[in-house]
Amino acid sequence: MLTLPFALGGVPEWTIILLVVLLLFGGRKLPQLARSMGSSITQFKKGLKEEVKDETGEIEESKDEDA
């Protein structure tokens, strides 16, 4: 069986990770960190969608110019 060296999937591993994060940042900072990560992910996805729209718009414009 092939295992990845950084594969974390068990309950004990996640428990240790959560305890370390709690000790490093404290209970008050965790909701702020989660909120900022969520907004960052949302902005990243929004940027990707805008990029795709820009690229498809450029392709449509080049088709119109060829005609």
PDB file of N, CA and C in Angstrom:
ATOM      1  N   MET A   1       0.842  -1.182   0.000  1.00  0.00           N
ATOM      2  CA  MET A   1       0.000   0.000   0.000  1.00  0.00           C
ATOM      3  C   MET A   1       0.883   1.239   0.000  1.00  0.00           C
ATOM      4  N   LEU A   2       0.624   2.144  -0.897  1.00  0.00           N
ATOM      5  CA  LEU A   2       1.389   3.369  -1.028  1.00  0.00           C
ATOM      6  C   LEU A   2       0.767   4.453  -0.156  1.00  0.00           C
ATOM      7  N   THR A   3       1.557   5.032   0.728  1.00  0.00           N
ATOM      8  CA  THR A   3       1.055   6.118   1.576  1.00  0.00           C
ATOM      9  C   THR A   3       1.855   7.372   1.312  1.00  0.00           C
ATOM     10  N   LEU A   4       1.183   8.474   1.342  1.00  0.00           N
ATOM     11  CA  LEU A   4       1.848   9.756   1.167  1.00  0.00           C
ATOM     12  C   LEU A   4       2.416  10.211   2.500  1.00  0.00           C
ATOM     13  N   PRO A   5       3.594  10.820   2.496  1.00  0.00           N
ATOM     14  CA  PRO A   5       4.205  11.206   3.768  1.00  0.00           C
ATOM     15  C   PRO A   5       3.437  12.295   4.514  1.00  0.00           C
ATOM     16  N   PHE A   6       2.676  13.120   3.810  1.00  0.00           N
ATOM     17  CA  PHE A   6       1.970  14.221   4.467  1.00  0.00           C
ATOM     18  C   PHE A   6       0.465  14.013   4.499  1.00  0.00           C
ATOM     19  N   ALA A   7       0.027  12.798   4.241  1.00  0.00           N
ATOM     20  CA  ALA A   7      -1.410  12.526   4.244  1.00  0.00           C
ATOM     21  C   ALA A   7      -1.926  12.514   5.684  1.00  0.00           C
ATOM     22  N   LEU A   8      -2.875  13.383   5.955  1.00  0.00           N
ATOM     23  CA  LEU A   8      -3.464  13.465   7.289  1.00  0.00           C
ATOM     24  C   LEU A   8      -4.946  13.148   7.164  1.00  0.00           C
ATOM     25  N   GLY A   9      -5.362  12.035   7.691  1.00  0.00           N
ATOM     26  CA  GLY A   9      -6.750  11.694   7.536  1.00  0.00           C
ATOM     27  C   GLY A   9      -7.393  11.154   8.784  1.00  0.00           C
ATOM     28  N   GLY A  10      -6.585  10.817   9.774  1.00  0.00           N
ATOM     29  CA  GLY A  10      -7.153  10.215  10.967  1.00  0.00           C
ATOM     30  C   GLY A  10      -7.605  11.233  11.986  1.00  0.00           C
ATOM     31  N   VAL A  11      -8.461  10.775  12.877  1.00  0.00           N
ATOM     32  CA  VAL A  11      -8.986  11.638  13.937  1.00  0.00           C
ATOM     33  C   VAL A  11      -7.879  12.104  14.883  1.00  0.00           C
ATOM     34  N   PRO A  12      -6.937  11.252  15.283  1.00  0.00           N
ATOM     35  CA  PRO A  12      -5.887  11.732  16.193  1.00  0.00           C
ATOM     36  C   PRO A  12      -5.026  12.852  15.589  1.00  0.00           C
ATOM     37  N   GLU A  13      -4.739  12.731  14.294  1.00  0.00           N
ATOM     38  CA  GLU A  13      -3.925  13.764  13.645  1.00  0.00           C
ATOM     39  C   GLU A  13      -4.649  15.106  13.625  1.00  0.00           C
ATOM     40  N   TRP A  14      -5.933  15.077  13.268  1.00  0.00           N
ATOM     41  CA  TRP A  14      -6.708  16.320  13.224  1.00  0.00           C
ATOM     42  C   TRP A  14      -6.889  16.926  14.609  1.00  0.00           C
ATOM     43  N   THR A  15      -7.020  16.075  15.604  1.00  0.00           N
ATOM     44  CA  THR A  15      -7.150  16.569  16.974  1.00  0.00           C
ATOM     45  C   THR A  15      -5.877  17.296  17.402  1.00  0.00           C
ATOM     46  N   ILE A  16      -4.733  16.718  17.089  1.00  0.00           N
ATOM     47  CA  ILE A  16      -3.461  17.355  17.429  1.00  0.00           C
ATOM     48  C   ILE A  16      -3.308  18.677  16.695  1.00  0.00           C
ATOM     49  N   ILE A  17      -3.662  18.704  15.418  1.00  0.00           N
ATOM     50  CA  ILE A  17      -3.548  19.941  14.633  1.00  0.00           C
ATOM     51  C   ILE A  17      -4.450  21.025  15.218  1.00  0.00           C
ATOM     52  N   LEU A  18      -5.675  20.682  15.545  1.00  0.00           N
ATOM     53  CA  LEU A  18      -6.599  21.666  16.113  1.00  0.00           C
ATOM     54  C   LEU A  18      -6.125  22.188  17.463  1.00  0.00           C
ATOM     55  N   LEU A  19      -5.553  21.313  18.285  1.00  0.00           N
ATOM     56  CA  LEU A  19      -5.020  21.758  19.571  1.00  0.00           C
ATOM     57  C   LEU A  19      -3.838  22.701  19.396  1.00  0.00           C
ATOM     58  N   VAL A  20      -2.969  22.410  18.446  1.00  0.00           N
ATOM     59  CA  VAL A  20      -1.809  23.280  18.191  1.00  0.00           C
ATOM     60  C   VAL A  20      -2.285  24.642  17.691  1.00  0.00           C
ATOM     61  N   VAL A  21      -3.246  24.652  16.786  1.00  0.00           N
ATOM     62  CA  VAL A  21      -3.779  25.923  16.275  1.00  0.00           C
ATOM     63  C   VAL A  21      -4.428  26.712  17.404  1.00  0.00           C
ATOM     64  N   LEU A  22      -5.164  26.032  18.256  1.00  0.00           N
ATOM     65  CA  LEU A  22      -5.810  26.702  19.385  1.00  0.00           C
ATOM     66  C   LEU A  22      -4.775  27.294  20.329  1.00  0.00           C
ATOM     67  N   LEU A  23      -3.695  26.579  20.573  1.00  0.00           N
ATOM     68  CA  LEU A  23      -2.639  27.095  21.442  1.00  0.00           C
ATOM     69  C   LEU A  23      -1.893  28.264  20.809  1.00  0.00           C
ATOM     70  N   LEU A  24      -1.676  28.195  19.498  1.00  0.00           N
ATOM     71  CA  LEU A  24      -0.930  29.265  18.826  1.00  0.00           C
ATOM     72  C   LEU A  24      -1.735  30.559  18.725  1.00  0.00           C
ATOM     73  N   PHE A  25      -2.999  30.462  18.355  1.00  0.00           N
ATOM     74  CA  PHE A  25      -3.767  31.664  18.073  1.00  0.00           C
ATOM     75  C   PHE A  25      -4.743  32.051  19.175  1.00  0.00           C
ATOM     76  N   GLY A  26      -5.112  31.128  20.006  1.00  0.00           N
ATOM     77  CA  GLY A  26      -6.063  31.433  21.070  1.00  0.00           C
ATOM     78  C   GLY A  26      -7.497  31.351  20.583  1.00  0.00           C
ATOM     79  N   GLY A  27      -8.403  31.228  21.521  1.00  0.00           N
ATOM     80  CA  GLY A  27      -9.808  31.065  21.187  1.00  0.00           C
ATOM     81  C   GLY A  27     -10.452  32.286  20.579  1.00  0.00           C
ATOM     82  N   ARG A  28      -9.951  33.468  20.905  1.00  0.00           N
ATOM     83  CA  ARG A  28     -10.569  34.698  20.390  1.00  0.00           C
ATOM     84  C   ARG A  28     -10.201  34.969  18.938  1.00  0.00           C
ATOM     85  N   LYS A  29      -9.035  34.533  18.510  1.00  0.00           N
ATOM     86  CA  LYS A  29      -8.581  34.814  17.148  1.00  0.00           C
ATOM     87  C   LYS A  29      -9.119  33.827  16.120  1.00  0.00           C
ATOM     88  N   LEU A  30      -9.521  32.636  16.546  1.00  0.00           N
ATOM     89  CA  LEU A  30      -9.952  31.625  15.592  1.00  0.00           C
ATOM     90  C   LEU A  30     -11.155  32.059  14.749  1.00  0.00           C
ATOM     91  N   PRO A  31     -12.204  32.655  15.323  1.00  0.00           N
ATOM     92  CA  PRO A  31     -13.307  33.102  14.459  1.00  0.00           C
ATOM     93  C   PRO A  31     -12.876  34.179  13.457  1.00  0.00           C
ATOM     94  N   GLN A  32     -11.990  35.064  13.872  1.00  0.00           N
ATOM     95  CA  GLN A  32     -11.490  36.097  12.959  1.00  0.00           C
ATOM     96  C   GLN A  32     -10.689  35.473  11.826  1.00  0.00           C
ATOM     97  N   LEU A  33      -9.857  34.486  12.155  1.00  0.00           N
ATOM     98  CA  LEU A  33      -9.072  33.814  11.123  1.00  0.00           C
ATOM     99  C   LEU A  33      -9.973  33.078  10.140  1.00  0.00           C
ATOM    100  N   ALA A  34     -10.981  32.393  10.651  1.00  0.00           N
ATOM    101  CA  ALA A  34     -11.898  31.660   9.781  1.00  0.00           C
ATOM    102  C   ALA A  34     -12.670  32.621   8.874  1.00  0.00           C
ATOM    103  N   ARG A  35     -13.097  33.758   9.432  1.00  0.00           N
ATOM    104  CA  ARG A  35     -13.821  34.753   8.642  1.00  0.00           C
ATOM    105  C   ARG A  35     -12.937  35.320   7.532  1.00  0.00           C
ATOM    106  N   SER A  36     -11.699  35.634   7.864  1.00  0.00           N
ATOM    107  CA  SER A  36     -10.800  36.205   6.853  1.00  0.00           C
ATOM    108  C   SER A  36     -10.446  35.179   5.784  1.00  0.00           C
ATOM    109  N   MET A  37     -10.294  33.918   6.169  1.00  0.00           N
ATOM    110  CA  MET A  37     -10.022  32.882   5.170  1.00  0.00           C
ATOM    111  C   MET A  37     -11.225  32.699   4.250  1.00  0.00           C
ATOM    112  N   GLY A  38     -12.425  32.740   4.803  1.00  0.00           N
ATOM    113  CA  GLY A  38     -13.628  32.612   3.992  1.00  0.00           C
ATOM    114  C   GLY A  38     -13.776  33.748   2.996  1.00  0.00           C
ATOM    115  N   SER A  39     -13.516  34.970   3.444  1.00  0.00           N
ATOM    116  CA  SER A  39     -13.619  36.108   2.530  1.00  0.00           C
ATOM    117  C   SER A  39     -12.515  36.066   1.475  1.00  0.00           C
ATOM    118  N   SER A  40     -11.344  35.584   1.839  1.00  0.00           N
ATOM    119  CA  SER A  40     -10.258  35.455   0.860  1.00  0.00           C
ATOM    120  C   SER A  40     -10.613  34.443  -0.213  1.00  0.00           C
ATOM    121  N   ILE A  41     -11.194  33.326   0.184  1.00  0.00           N
ATOM    122  CA  ILE A  41     -11.597  32.309  -0.781  1.00  0.00           C
ATOM    123  C   ILE A  41     -12.686  32.847  -1.696  1.00  0.00           C
ATOM    124  N   THR A  42     -13.632  33.592  -1.124  1.00  0.00           N
ATOM    125  CA  THR A  42     -14.716  34.175  -1.914  1.00  0.00           C
ATOM    126  C   THR A  42     -14.164  35.155  -2.945  1.00  0.00           C
ATOM    127  N   GLN A  43     -13.229  36.011  -2.541  1.00  0.00           N
ATOM    128  CA  GLN A  43     -12.633  36.969  -3.461  1.00  0.00           C
ATOM    129  C   GLN A  43     -11.828  36.264  -4.550  1.00  0.00           C
ATOM    130  N   PHE A  44     -11.143  35.193  -4.184  1.00  0.00           N
ATOM    131  CA  PHE A  44     -10.356  34.440  -5.164  1.00  0.00           C
ATOM    132  C   PHE A  44     -11.270  33.822  -6.221  1.00  0.00           C
ATOM    133  N   LYS A  45     -12.372  33.209  -5.789  1.00  0.00           N
ATOM    134  CA  LYS A  45     -13.315  32.610  -6.729  1.00  0.00           C
ATOM    135  C   LYS A  45     -13.943  33.675  -7.622  1.00  0.00           C
ATOM    136  N   LYS A  46     -14.263  34.835  -7.038  1.00  0.00           N
ATOM    137  CA  LYS A  46     -14.843  35.923  -7.814  1.00  0.00           C
ATOM    138  C   LYS A  46     -13.852  36.399  -8.877  1.00  0.00           C
ATOM    139  N   GLY A  47     -12.590  36.495  -8.505  1.00  0.00           N
ATOM    140  CA  GLY A  47     -11.564  36.891  -9.459  1.00  0.00           C
ATOM    141  C   GLY A  47     -11.399  35.886 -10.584  1.00  0.00           C
ATOM    142  N   LEU A  48     -11.486  34.608 -10.267  1.00  0.00           N
ATOM    143  CA  LEU A  48     -11.395  33.583 -11.305  1.00  0.00           C
ATOM    144  C   LEU A  48     -12.559  33.680 -12.281  1.00  0.00           C
ATOM    145  N   LYS A  49     -13.772  33.907 -11.757  1.00  0.00           N
ATOM    146  CA  LYS A  49     -14.940  34.024 -12.624  1.00  0.00           C
ATOM    147  C   LYS A  49     -14.814  35.241 -13.530  1.00  0.00           C
ATOM    148  N   GLU A  50     -14.330  36.355 -12.996  1.00  0.00           N
ATOM    149  CA  GLU A  50     -14.158  37.564 -13.809  1.00  0.00           C
ATOM    150  C   GLU A  50     -13.110  37.336 -14.886  1.00  0.00           C
ATOM    151  N   GLU A  51     -12.059  36.604 -14.560  1.00  0.00           N
ATOM    152  CA  GLU A  51     -11.004  36.318 -15.535  1.00  0.00           C
ATOM    153  C   GLU A  51     -11.551  35.469 -16.673  1.00  0.00           C
ATOM    154  N   VAL A  52     -12.362  34.482 -16.346  1.00  0.00           N
ATOM    155  CA  VAL A  52     -12.958  33.635 -17.381  1.00  0.00           C
ATOM    156  C   VAL A  52     -13.883  34.458 -18.255  1.00  0.00           C
ATOM    157  N   LYS A  53     -14.673  35.362 -17.644  1.00  0.00           N
ATOM    158  CA  LYS A  53     -15.571  36.214 -18.430  1.00  0.00           C
ATOM    159  C   LYS A  53     -14.769  37.125 -19.347  1.00  0.00           C
ATOM    160  N   ASP A  54     -13.654  37.678 -18.864  1.00  0.00           N
ATOM    161  CA  ASP A  54     -12.818  38.544 -19.686  1.00  0.00           C
ATOM    162  C   ASP A  54     -12.241  37.772 -20.870  1.00  0.00           C
ATOM    163  N   GLU A  55     -11.785  36.548 -20.628  1.00  0.00           N
ATOM    164  CA  GLU A  55     -11.196  35.748 -21.694  1.00  0.00           C
ATOM    165  C   GLU A  55     -12.249  35.381 -22.739  1.00  0.00           C
ATOM    166  N   THR A  56     -13.445  35.007 -22.326  1.00  0.00           N
ATOM    167  CA  THR A  56     -14.486  34.653 -23.295  1.00  0.00           C
ATOM    168  C   THR A  56     -14.926  35.890 -24.060  1.00  0.00           C
ATOM    169  N   GLY A  57     -14.924  37.039 -23.421  1.00  0.00           N
ATOM    170  CA  GLY A  57     -15.273  38.279 -24.118  1.00  0.00           C
ATOM    171  C   GLY A  57     -14.257  38.614 -25.189  1.00  0.00           C
ATOM    172  N   GLU A  58     -12.996  38.397 -24.907  1.00  0.00           N
ATOM    173  CA  GLU A  58     -11.956  38.661 -25.887  1.00  0.00           C
ATOM    174  C   GLU A  58     -12.070  37.705 -27.065  1.00  0.00           C
ATOM    175  N   ILE A  59     -12.428  36.458 -26.802  1.00  0.00           N
ATOM    176  CA  ILE A  59     -12.576  35.483 -27.878  1.00  0.00           C
ATOM    177  C   ILE A  59     -13.747  35.881 -28.765  1.00  0.00           C
ATOM    178  N   GLU A  60     -14.872  36.289 -28.159  1.00  0.00           N
ATOM    179  CA  GLU A  60     -16.035  36.702 -28.949  1.00  0.00           C
ATOM    180  C   GLU A  60     -15.721  37.944 -29.770  1.00  0.00           C
ATOM    181  N   GLU A  61     -14.971  38.890 -29.224  1.00  0.00           N
ATOM    182  CA  GLU A  61     -14.616  40.097 -29.943  1.00  0.00           C
ATOM    183  C   GLU A  61     -13.725  39.770 -31.145  1.00  0.00           C
ATOM    184  N   SER A  62     -12.796  38.830 -30.969  1.00  0.00           N
ATOM    185  CA  SER A  62     -11.920  38.466 -32.092  1.00  0.00           C
ATOM    186  C   SER A  62     -12.701  37.764 -33.184  1.00  0.00           C
ATOM    187  N   LYS A  63     -13.751  36.997 -32.842  1.00  0.00           N
ATOM    188  CA  LYS A  63     -14.598  36.359 -33.841  1.00  0.00           C
ATOM    189  C   LYS A  63     -15.382  37.413 -34.613  1.00  0.00           C
ATOM    190  N   ASP A  64     -15.864  38.447 -33.933  1.00  0.00           N
ATOM    191  CA  ASP A  64     -16.609  39.508 -34.595  1.00  0.00           C
ATOM    192  C   ASP A  64     -15.714  40.277 -35.545  1.00  0.00           C
ATOM    193  N   GLU A  65     -14.470  40.487 -35.213  1.00  0.00           N
ATOM    194  CA  GLU A  65     -13.548  41.227 -36.057  1.00  0.00           C
ATOM    195  C   GLU A  65     -13.210  40.439 -37.311  1.00  0.00           C
ATOM    196  N   ASP A  66     -13.160  39.092 -37.209  1.00  0.00           N
ATOM    197  CA  ASP A  66     -12.825  38.260 -38.366  1.00  0.00           C
ATOM    198  C   ASP A  66     -13.958  38.242 -39.385  1.00  0.00           C
ATOM    199  N   ALA A  67     -15.170  38.434 -38.953  1.00  0.00           N
ATOM    200  CA  ALA A  67     -16.322  38.320 -39.848  1.00  0.00           C
ATOM    201  C   ALA A  67     -16.505  39.524 -40.721  1.00  0.00           C
TER     202      ALA A  67
END
